[in-house]
C-alpha atoms as a PDB file:
ATOM      1  CA  MET A   1     101.034  43.046-119.845  1.00  0.00           C
ATOM      2  CA  THR A   2      99.458  45.478-117.352  1.00  0.00           C
ATOM      3  CA  PRO A   3     101.068  46.181-114.037  1.00  0.00           C
ATOM      4  CA  LEU A   4      99.132  43.857-112.127  1.00  0.00           C
ATOM      5  CA  THR A   5      98.513  40.782-114.380  1.00  0.00           C
ATOM      6  CA  GLY A   6      98.312  37.671-112.681  1.00  0.00           C
ATOM      7  CA  GLN A   7      97.552  39.111-109.279  1.00  0.00           C
ATOM      8  CA  VAL A   8      94.572  38.534-106.869  1.00  0.00           C
ATOM      9  CA  ALA A   9      93.235  41.431-104.995  1.00  0.00           C
ATOM     10  CA  ILE A  10      90.337  41.694-102.467  1.00  0.00           C
ATOM     11  CA  VAL A  11      88.534  44.697-102.097  1.00  0.00           C
ATOM     12  CA  THR A  12      85.992  44.792 -99.250  1.00  0.00           C
ATOM     13  CA  GLY A  13      82.793  47.115 -99.424  1.00  0.00           C
ATOM     14  CA  ALA A  14      83.358  47.106-103.150  1.00  0.00           C
ATOM     15  CA  SER A  15      79.778  46.860-104.164  1.00  0.00           C
ATOM     16  CA  ARG A  16      79.502  50.792-104.665  1.00  0.00           C
ATOM     17  CA  GLY A  17      81.228  54.121-104.250  1.00  0.00           C
ATOM     18  CA  ILE A  18      84.918  54.370-103.520  1.00  0.00           C
ATOM     19  CA  GLY A  19      85.284  50.547-103.382  1.00  0.00           C
ATOM     20  CA  ALA A  20      83.603  50.081-106.652  1.00  0.00           C
ATOM     21  CA  ALA A  21      86.025  52.480-108.100  1.00  0.00           C
ATOM     22  CA  ILE A  22      89.101  50.791-106.583  1.00  0.00           C
ATOM     23  CA  ALA A  23      87.912  47.307-107.994  1.00  0.00           C
ATOM     24  CA  ARG A  24      87.387  48.786-111.482  1.00  0.00           C
ATOM     25  CA  ASP A  25      90.738  50.501-111.243  1.00  0.00           C
ATOM     26  CA  LEU A  26      92.714  47.258-110.209  1.00  0.00           C
ATOM     27  CA  ALA A  27      91.012  45.223-112.610  1.00  0.00           C
ATOM     28  CA  ALA A  28      91.961  47.702-115.534  1.00  0.00           C
ATOM     29  CA  ALA A  29      95.718  47.154-114.173  1.00  0.00           C
ATOM     30  CA  GLY A  30      95.302  43.338-114.730  1.00  0.00           C
ATOM     31  CA  ALA A  31      94.324  42.133-111.186  1.00  0.00           C
ATOM     32  CA  HIS A  32      91.555  39.567-110.827  1.00  0.00           C
ATOM     33  CA  VAL A  33      89.610  41.267-108.257  1.00  0.00           C
ATOM     34  CA  VAL A  34      87.370  39.912-105.479  1.00  0.00           C
ATOM     35  CA  VAL A  35      84.508  42.297-105.199  1.00  0.00           C
ATOM     36  CA  SER A  36      83.439  41.699-101.527  1.00  0.00           C
ATOM     37  CA  CYS A  37      80.105  43.144 -99.879  1.00  0.00           C
ATOM     38  CA  ARG A  38      78.298  42.244 -96.803  1.00  0.00           C
ATOM     39  CA  THR A  39      74.644  42.166 -97.992  1.00  0.00           C
ATOM     40  CA  GLN A  40      74.375  43.912-101.519  1.00  0.00           C
ATOM     41  CA  ARG A  41      75.318  40.940-103.455  1.00  0.00           C
ATOM     42  CA  ASP A  42      73.358  42.198-106.508  1.00  0.00           C
ATOM     43  CA  LYS A  43      75.487  45.432-106.673  1.00  0.00           C
ATOM     44  CA  ALA A  44      78.484  43.582-106.168  1.00  0.00           C
ATOM     45  CA  GLU A  45      77.756  41.260-109.184  1.00  0.00           C
ATOM     46  CA  ALA A  46      76.827  44.542-111.111  1.00  0.00           C
ATOM     47  CA  VAL A  47      80.410  45.894-110.513  1.00  0.00           C
ATOM     48  CA  VAL A  48      81.829  42.479-111.322  1.00  0.00           C
ATOM     49  CA  ALA A  49      79.799  42.466-114.775  1.00  0.00           C
ATOM     50  CA  GLU A  50      81.000  45.918-115.722  1.00  0.00           C
ATOM     51  CA  ILE A  51      84.645  44.881-114.998  1.00  0.00           C
ATOM     52  CA  VAL A  52      84.296  41.912-117.094  1.00  0.00           C
ATOM     53  CA  THR A  53      82.467  43.794-119.938  1.00  0.00           C
ATOM     54  CA  ARG A  54      85.573  46.136-120.065  1.00  0.00           C
ATOM     55  CA  GLY A  55      87.729  42.958-120.512  1.00  0.00           C
ATOM     56  CA  GLY A  56      88.727  42.616-116.877  1.00  0.00           C
ATOM     57  CA  SER A  57      88.524  39.633-114.376  1.00  0.00           C
ATOM     58  CA  ALA A  58      86.441  39.610-111.334  1.00  0.00           C
ATOM     59  CA  GLU A  59      84.164  37.828-109.178  1.00  0.00           C
ATOM     60  CA  ALA A  60      81.679  38.638-106.287  1.00  0.00           C
ATOM     61  CA  THR A  61      81.698  37.319-102.511  1.00  0.00           C
ATOM     62  CA  ALA A  62      79.862  38.248 -99.584  1.00  0.00           C
ATOM     63  CA  PHE A  63      81.025  38.256 -95.846  1.00  0.00           C
ATOM     64  CA  ASP A  64      80.834  40.574 -92.725  1.00  0.00           C
ATOM     65  CA  VAL A  65      84.290  42.001 -91.995  1.00  0.00           C
ATOM     66  CA  ALA A  66      83.263  42.408 -88.378  1.00  0.00           C
ATOM     67  CA  ILE A  67      82.885  38.589 -87.976  1.00  0.00           C
ATOM     68  CA  GLY A  68      86.233  37.007 -87.937  1.00  0.00           C
ATOM     69  CA  THR A  69      85.138  33.503 -88.588  1.00  0.00           C
ATOM     70  CA  GLU A  70      83.254  34.787 -91.881  1.00  0.00           C
ATOM     71  CA  VAL A  71      86.411  36.407 -93.003  1.00  0.00           C
ATOM     72  CA  ASP A  72      88.666  33.583 -92.276  1.00  0.00           C
ATOM     73  CA  ALA A  73      86.248  31.147 -94.103  1.00  0.00           C
ATOM     74  CA  ALA A  74      86.016  33.531 -97.128  1.00  0.00           C
ATOM     75  CA  VAL A  75      89.841  33.941 -97.398  1.00  0.00           C
ATOM     76  CA  ARG A  76      90.421  30.129 -96.957  1.00  0.00           C
ATOM     77  CA  GLU A  77      88.130  29.555 -99.800  1.00  0.00           C
ATOM     78  CA  LEU A  78      89.629  32.007-102.062  1.00  0.00           C
ATOM     79  CA  VAL A  79      93.383  31.048-101.426  1.00  0.00           C
ATOM     80  CA  ALA A  80      92.327  27.201-101.988  1.00  0.00           C
ATOM     81  CA  ARG A  81      90.792  28.022-105.273  1.00  0.00           C
ATOM     82  CA  LEU A  82      92.925  30.987-106.566  1.00  0.00           C
ATOM     83  CA  GLY A  83      96.096  30.009-104.911  1.00  0.00           C
ATOM     84  CA  LYS A  84      96.904  33.162-103.298  1.00  0.00           C
ATOM     85  CA  VAL A  85      96.219  36.759-102.384  1.00  0.00           C
ATOM     86  CA  ASP A  86      98.580  39.590-103.363  1.00  0.00           C
ATOM     87  CA  ILE A  87      96.397  42.541-102.549  1.00  0.00           C
ATOM     88  CA  LEU A  88      93.966  43.297 -99.791  1.00  0.00           C
ATOM     89  CA  VAL A  89      92.155  46.882 -99.790  1.00  0.00           C
ATOM     90  CA  ASN A  90      90.378  47.282 -96.668  1.00  0.00           C
ATOM     91  CA  ASN A  91      87.690  49.812 -97.865  1.00  0.00           C
ATOM     92  CA  ALA A  92      84.556  48.588 -96.168  1.00  0.00           C
ATOM     93  CA  GLY A  93      83.113  50.995 -93.660  1.00  0.00           C
ATOM     94  CA  VAL A  94      80.103  52.451 -91.914  1.00  0.00           C
ATOM     95  CA  SER A  95      79.244  55.761 -90.197  1.00  0.00           C
ATOM     96  CA  ALA A  96      76.616  56.460 -87.401  1.00  0.00           C
ATOM     97  CA  ASP A  97      76.959  60.345 -87.471  1.00  0.00           C
ATOM     98  CA  ALA A  98      75.844  61.867 -84.055  1.00  0.00           C
ATOM     99  CA  LEU A  99      77.069  64.219 -81.216  1.00  0.00           C
ATOM    100  CA  ILE A 100      79.046  62.238 -78.594  1.00  0.00           C
ATOM    101  CA  LEU A 101      75.900  62.856 -76.083  1.00  0.00           C
ATOM    102  CA  ARG A 102      73.602  61.463 -78.542  1.00  0.00           C
ATOM    103  CA  THR A 103      75.728  58.475 -79.744  1.00  0.00           C
ATOM    104  CA  SER A 104      74.597  55.011 -77.988  1.00  0.00           C
ATOM    105  CA  GLU A 105      77.061  52.381 -77.120  1.00  0.00           C
ATOM    106  CA  ASP A 106      75.441  50.236 -79.922  1.00  0.00           C
ATOM    107  CA  GLN A 107      76.240  52.842 -82.450  1.00  0.00           C
ATOM    108  CA  TRP A 108      79.712  53.498 -81.143  1.00  0.00           C
ATOM    109  CA  GLN A 109      80.372  49.590 -81.135  1.00  0.00           C
ATOM    110  CA  ARG A 110      79.122  49.063 -84.586  1.00  0.00           C
ATOM    111  CA  VAL A 111      81.240  51.584 -86.169  1.00  0.00           C
ATOM    112  CA  LEU A 112      84.522  50.376 -84.533  1.00  0.00           C
ATOM    113  CA  ASP A 113      83.522  46.726 -85.243  1.00  0.00           C
ATOM    114  CA  VAL A 114      83.226  47.431 -89.232  1.00  0.00           C
ATOM    115  CA  ASN A 115      85.823  50.282 -89.576  1.00  0.00           C
ATOM    116  CA  LEU A 116      88.451  49.261 -87.315  1.00  0.00           C
ATOM    117  CA  LYS A 117      87.826  45.561 -86.093  1.00  0.00           C
ATOM    118  CA  GLY A 118      87.116  44.619 -89.902  1.00  0.00           C
ATOM    119  CA  VAL A 119      90.608  45.867 -90.778  1.00  0.00           C
ATOM    120  CA  PHE A 120      92.131  43.723 -88.211  1.00  0.00           C
ATOM    121  CA  ASN A 121      89.991  40.639 -89.254  1.00  0.00           C
ATOM    122  CA  CYS A 122      90.760  40.766 -92.911  1.00  0.00           C
ATOM    123  CA  THR A 123      94.620  41.741 -92.266  1.00  0.00           C
ATOM    124  CA  LYS A 124      95.025  38.948 -90.010  1.00  0.00           C
ATOM    125  CA  SER A 125      93.357  36.402 -92.327  1.00  0.00           C
ATOM    126  CA  VAL A 126      95.521  37.170 -95.447  1.00  0.00           C
ATOM    127  CA  ALA A 127      98.715  37.778 -93.411  1.00  0.00           C
ATOM    128  CA  ARG A 128      99.450  33.984 -93.251  1.00  0.00           C
ATOM    129  CA  PRO A 129      99.072  33.349 -97.145  1.00  0.00           C
ATOM    130  CA  MET A 130     100.903  36.502 -97.857  1.00  0.00           C
ATOM    131  CA  MET A 131     104.004  35.616 -95.560  1.00  0.00           C
ATOM    132  CA  ARG A 132     104.182  32.233 -97.126  1.00  0.00           C
ATOM    133  CA  ALA A 133     104.490  33.829-100.339  1.00  0.00           C
ATOM    134  CA  ARG A 134     106.893  36.489 -98.955  1.00  0.00           C
ATOM    135  CA  VAL A 135     105.027  39.150-100.759  1.00  0.00           C
ATOM    136  CA  GLY A 136     101.697  41.143-100.556  1.00  0.00           C
ATOM    137  CA  ARG A 137     100.060  44.776-100.473  1.00  0.00           C
ATOM    138  CA  ILE A 138      97.554  45.707 -97.578  1.00  0.00           C
ATOM    139  CA  ILE A 139      96.005  48.981 -98.477  1.00  0.00           C
ATOM    140  CA  ASN A 140      93.744  50.356 -95.782  1.00  0.00           C
ATOM    141  CA  LEU A 141      91.245  53.333 -96.318  1.00  0.00           C
ATOM    142  CA  SER A 142      91.169  56.023 -93.601  1.00  0.00           C
ATOM    143  CA  SER A 143      89.685  59.381 -93.731  1.00  0.00           C
ATOM    144  CA  VAL A 144      90.652  62.986 -93.488  1.00  0.00           C
ATOM    145  CA  VAL A 145      88.672  63.245 -90.409  1.00  0.00           C
ATOM    146  CA  ALA A 146      91.115  60.793 -88.834  1.00  0.00           C
ATOM    147  CA  LEU A 147      93.561  63.796 -88.794  1.00  0.00           C
ATOM    148  CA  THR A 148      91.333  66.777 -88.346  1.00  0.00           C
ATOM    149  CA  GLY A 149      88.431  65.318 -86.314  1.00  0.00           C
ATOM    150  CA  ASN A 150      84.783  66.408 -87.084  1.00  0.00           C
ATOM    151  CA  ALA A 151      81.778  67.259 -84.929  1.00  0.00           C
ATOM    152  CA  GLY A 152      79.251  64.518 -84.975  1.00  0.00           C
ATOM    153  CA  GLN A 153      81.719  62.027 -86.187  1.00  0.00           C
ATOM    154  CA  ALA A 154      83.449  61.068 -83.155  1.00  0.00           C
ATOM    155  CA  ALA A 155      82.971  57.226 -83.469  1.00  0.00           C
ATOM    156  CA  TYR A 156      83.833  57.386 -87.253  1.00  0.00           C
ATOM    157  CA  ALA A 157      86.933  59.653 -86.750  1.00  0.00           C
ATOM    158  CA  ALA A 158      88.252  57.290 -83.857  1.00  0.00           C
ATOM    159  CA  ALA A 159      87.959  54.391 -85.987  1.00  0.00           C
ATOM    160  CA  LYS A 160      89.500  55.982 -88.952  1.00  0.00           C
ATOM    161  CA  ALA A 161      92.401  57.204 -86.786  1.00  0.00           C
ATOM    162  CA  GLY A 162      92.875  53.868 -85.389  1.00  0.00           C
ATOM    163  CA  ILE A 163      93.550  52.459 -88.745  1.00  0.00           C
ATOM    164  CA  ILE A 164      96.523  54.543 -89.238  1.00  0.00           C
ATOM    165  CA  GLY A 165      98.060  53.305 -85.928  1.00  0.00           C
ATOM    166  CA  PHE A 166      97.158  49.746 -87.020  1.00  0.00           C
ATOM    167  CA  THR A 167      98.504  50.058 -90.405  1.00  0.00           C
ATOM    168  CA  LYS A 168     101.924  51.298 -89.095  1.00  0.00           C
ATOM    169  CA  SER A 169     102.327  48.491 -86.663  1.00  0.00           C
ATOM    170  CA  THR A 170     101.433  46.002 -89.666  1.00  0.00           C
ATOM    171  CA  ALA A 171     104.104  47.476 -91.706  1.00  0.00           C
ATOM    172  CA  ARG A 172     106.708  47.079 -88.966  1.00  0.00           C
ATOM    173  CA  GLU A 173     105.616  43.454 -88.607  1.00  0.00           C
ATOM    174  CA  LEU A 174     105.142  42.236 -92.024  1.00  0.00           C
ATOM    175  CA  ALA A 175     108.030  44.084 -93.612  1.00  0.00           C
ATOM    176  CA  SER A 176     110.497  41.338 -93.406  1.00  0.00           C
ATOM    177  CA  ARG A 177     108.278  39.018 -95.491  1.00  0.00           C
ATOM    178  CA  GLY A 178     108.007  41.509 -98.286  1.00  0.00           C
ATOM    179  CA  ILE A 179     104.619  42.968 -97.295  1.00  0.00           C
ATOM    180  CA  THR A 180     103.774  46.462 -97.208  1.00  0.00           C
ATOM    181  CA  ALA A 181     101.089  48.088 -95.508  1.00  0.00           C
ATOM    182  CA  ASN A 182      99.887  51.693 -96.282  1.00  0.00           C
ATOM    183  CA  VAL A 183      96.892  53.852 -95.754  1.00  0.00           C
ATOM    184  CA  VAL A 184      95.036  55.850 -98.056  1.00  0.00           C
ATOM    185  CA  ALA A 185      92.886  58.865 -96.597  1.00  0.00           C
ATOM    186  CA  PRO A 186      90.359  60.396 -98.733  1.00  0.00           C
ATOM    187  CA  GLY A 187      88.817  63.769 -98.092  1.00  0.00           C
ATOM    188  CA  PHE A 188      85.326  64.841 -99.261  1.00  0.00           C
ATOM    189  CA  ILE A 189      84.579  62.449-102.275  1.00  0.00           C
ATOM    190  CA  GLU A 190      81.691  62.092-104.678  1.00  0.00           C
ATOM    191  CA  THR A 191      79.845  59.310-103.861  1.00  0.00           C
ATOM    192  CA  ASP A 192      76.096  58.056-104.086  1.00  0.00           C
ATOM    193  CA  MET A 193      76.226  58.858-100.279  1.00  0.00           C
ATOM    194  CA  THR A 194      76.867  62.429-100.941  1.00  0.00           C
ATOM    195  CA  GLU A 195      74.546  63.005-104.032  1.00  0.00           C
ATOM    196  CA  ASP A 196      71.610  63.987-101.830  1.00  0.00           C
ATOM    197  CA  LEU A 197      73.490  67.021-100.174  1.00  0.00           C
ATOM    198  CA  ASP A 198      71.834  70.418-101.415  1.00  0.00           C
ATOM    199  CA  ALA A 199      73.667  73.107-103.219  1.00  0.00           C
ATOM    200  CA  SER A 200      74.507  75.143-100.400  1.00  0.00           C
ATOM    201  CA  ALA A 201      76.005  72.184 -98.327  1.00  0.00           C
ATOM    202  CA  ARG A 202      78.202  71.118-101.416  1.00  0.00           C
ATOM    203  CA  ASP A 203      79.244  74.745-101.865  1.00  0.00           C
ATOM    204  CA  MET A 204      80.175  74.821 -98.074  1.00  0.00           C
ATOM    205  CA  TYR A 205      82.463  71.731 -98.566  1.00  0.00           C
ATOM    206  CA  ARG A 206      83.888  72.952-101.955  1.00  0.00           C
ATOM    207  CA  ALA A 207      85.070  76.265-100.183  1.00  0.00           C
ATOM    208  CA  MET A 208      87.089  74.365 -97.805  1.00  0.00           C
ATOM    209  CA  ILE A 209      89.070  72.575-100.487  1.00  0.00           C
ATOM    210  CA  PRO A 210      92.034  74.503-102.118  1.00  0.00           C
ATOM    211  CA  LEU A 211      91.611  72.690-105.337  1.00  0.00           C
ATOM    212  CA  GLY A 212      88.293  73.873-105.641  1.00  0.00           C
ATOM    213  CA  ARG A 213      86.377  70.682-106.369  1.00  0.00           C
ATOM    214  CA  LEU A 214      85.298  67.427-104.657  1.00  0.00           C
ATOM    215  CA  GLY A 215      87.138  64.307-105.084  1.00  0.00           C
ATOM    216  CA  ARG A 216      86.274  61.459-107.257  1.00  0.00           C
ATOM    217  CA  GLY A 217      86.275  57.763-106.614  1.00  0.00           C
ATOM    218  CA  GLU A 218      88.964  57.424-109.454  1.00  0.00           C
ATOM    219  CA  ASP A 219      91.088  59.995-107.766  1.00  0.00           C
ATOM    220  CA  VAL A 220      91.359  57.620-104.823  1.00  0.00           C
ATOM    221  CA  ALA A 221      91.547  54.277-106.742  1.00  0.00           C
ATOM    222  CA  ALA A 222      94.582  55.651-108.629  1.00  0.00           C
ATOM    223  CA  ALA A 223      96.449  55.964-105.385  1.00  0.00           C
ATOM    224  CA  VAL A 224      95.648  52.495-104.282  1.00  0.00           C
ATOM    225  CA  THR A 225      96.538  51.009-107.537  1.00  0.00           C
ATOM    226  CA  PHE A 226      99.793  52.751-107.234  1.00  0.00           C
ATOM    227  CA  LEU A 227     100.499  51.446-103.890  1.00  0.00           C
ATOM    228  CA  ALA A 228      99.506  47.841-104.920  1.00  0.00           C
ATOM    229  CA  GLY A 229     101.970  47.992-107.898  1.00  0.00           C
ATOM    230  CA  ALA A 230     105.671  47.424-108.142  1.00  0.00           C
ATOM    231  CA  GLY A 231     106.523  51.111-108.034  1.00  0.00           C
ATOM    232  CA  ALA A 232     105.374  51.441-104.265  1.00  0.00           C
ATOM    233  CA  SER A 233     107.715  48.525-103.404  1.00  0.00           C
ATOM    234  CA  TYR A 234     109.833  50.662-100.953  1.00  0.00           C
ATOM    235  CA  ILE A 235     106.677  52.532 -99.376  1.00  0.00           C
ATOM    236  CA  THR A 236     105.236  51.080 -96.192  1.00  0.00           C
ATOM    237  CA  GLY A 237     103.836  52.538 -93.167  1.00  0.00           C
ATOM    238  CA  GLN A 238     102.712  55.725 -94.915  1.00  0.00           C
ATOM    239  CA  VAL A 239      99.596  57.702 -95.052  1.00  0.00           C
ATOM    240  CA  ILE A 240      98.721  59.081 -98.563  1.00  0.00           C
ATOM    241  CA  HIS A 241      96.072  62.041 -98.449  1.00  0.00           C
ATOM    242  CA  ILE A 242      93.801  62.291-101.254  1.00  0.00           C
ATOM    243  CA  ASN A 243      91.758  65.547-100.142  1.00  0.00           C
ATOM    244  CA  GLY A 244      92.532  68.315-102.556  1.00  0.00           C
ATOM    245  CA  GLY A 245      94.565  70.242 -99.946  1.00  0.00           C
ATOM    246  CA  MET A 246      91.695  69.977 -97.467  1.00  0.00           C
ATOM    247  CA  TYR A 247      94.255  69.011 -94.801  1.00  0.00           C
ATOM    248  CA  VAL A 248      97.878  69.679 -95.406  1.00  0.00           C
END
């Protein structure tokens, strides 16, 4: 028996990068993982195939976290078919990096719709079945920039900071039903979005990290899987920083 055997986990934005790493780790711990994406269904199916090849259990689904009706429909279908949702990992996110004076209202709104409203939509949709079951784990992905800020990322930092406040409120509202809500805040993590950085940029970021290396998706996934398990049953409303000492 693995720690999460028999549990059902939804991971949003799991077709690549950190989300895919989280999906793989939860599956390795025994959960049936719903690999969620918005448009890249083929990549989500590839993550599922990888999990199944390794002996895990997974399936893919597609919905836009920024659209509440889509989220509700997807969650209702999953609960009707699988019987429950034990774990929600709100990982889906977008960025529109630009200085404040060059950020359009549409860019600002899209970042908040996906990164913050999406967390609200997904949390609201799973809260009812979790409350009926009187158990659940909600884990929201924030970022180091929620605490430090970053020039050119005002929208992203605002959304990620909002996630922390939202999670603390969720933790207080749902604790009496046996549901925990926590935040994982990664620092600079190696993903396909960072592969195109030139050597000088990578050296600059590495110099900011006391542990002397960029993070891996697996570093973040390990924290998420811990928070999803029985060992974290008395942890709620907390922010776990995965940043190599970049922010302390």
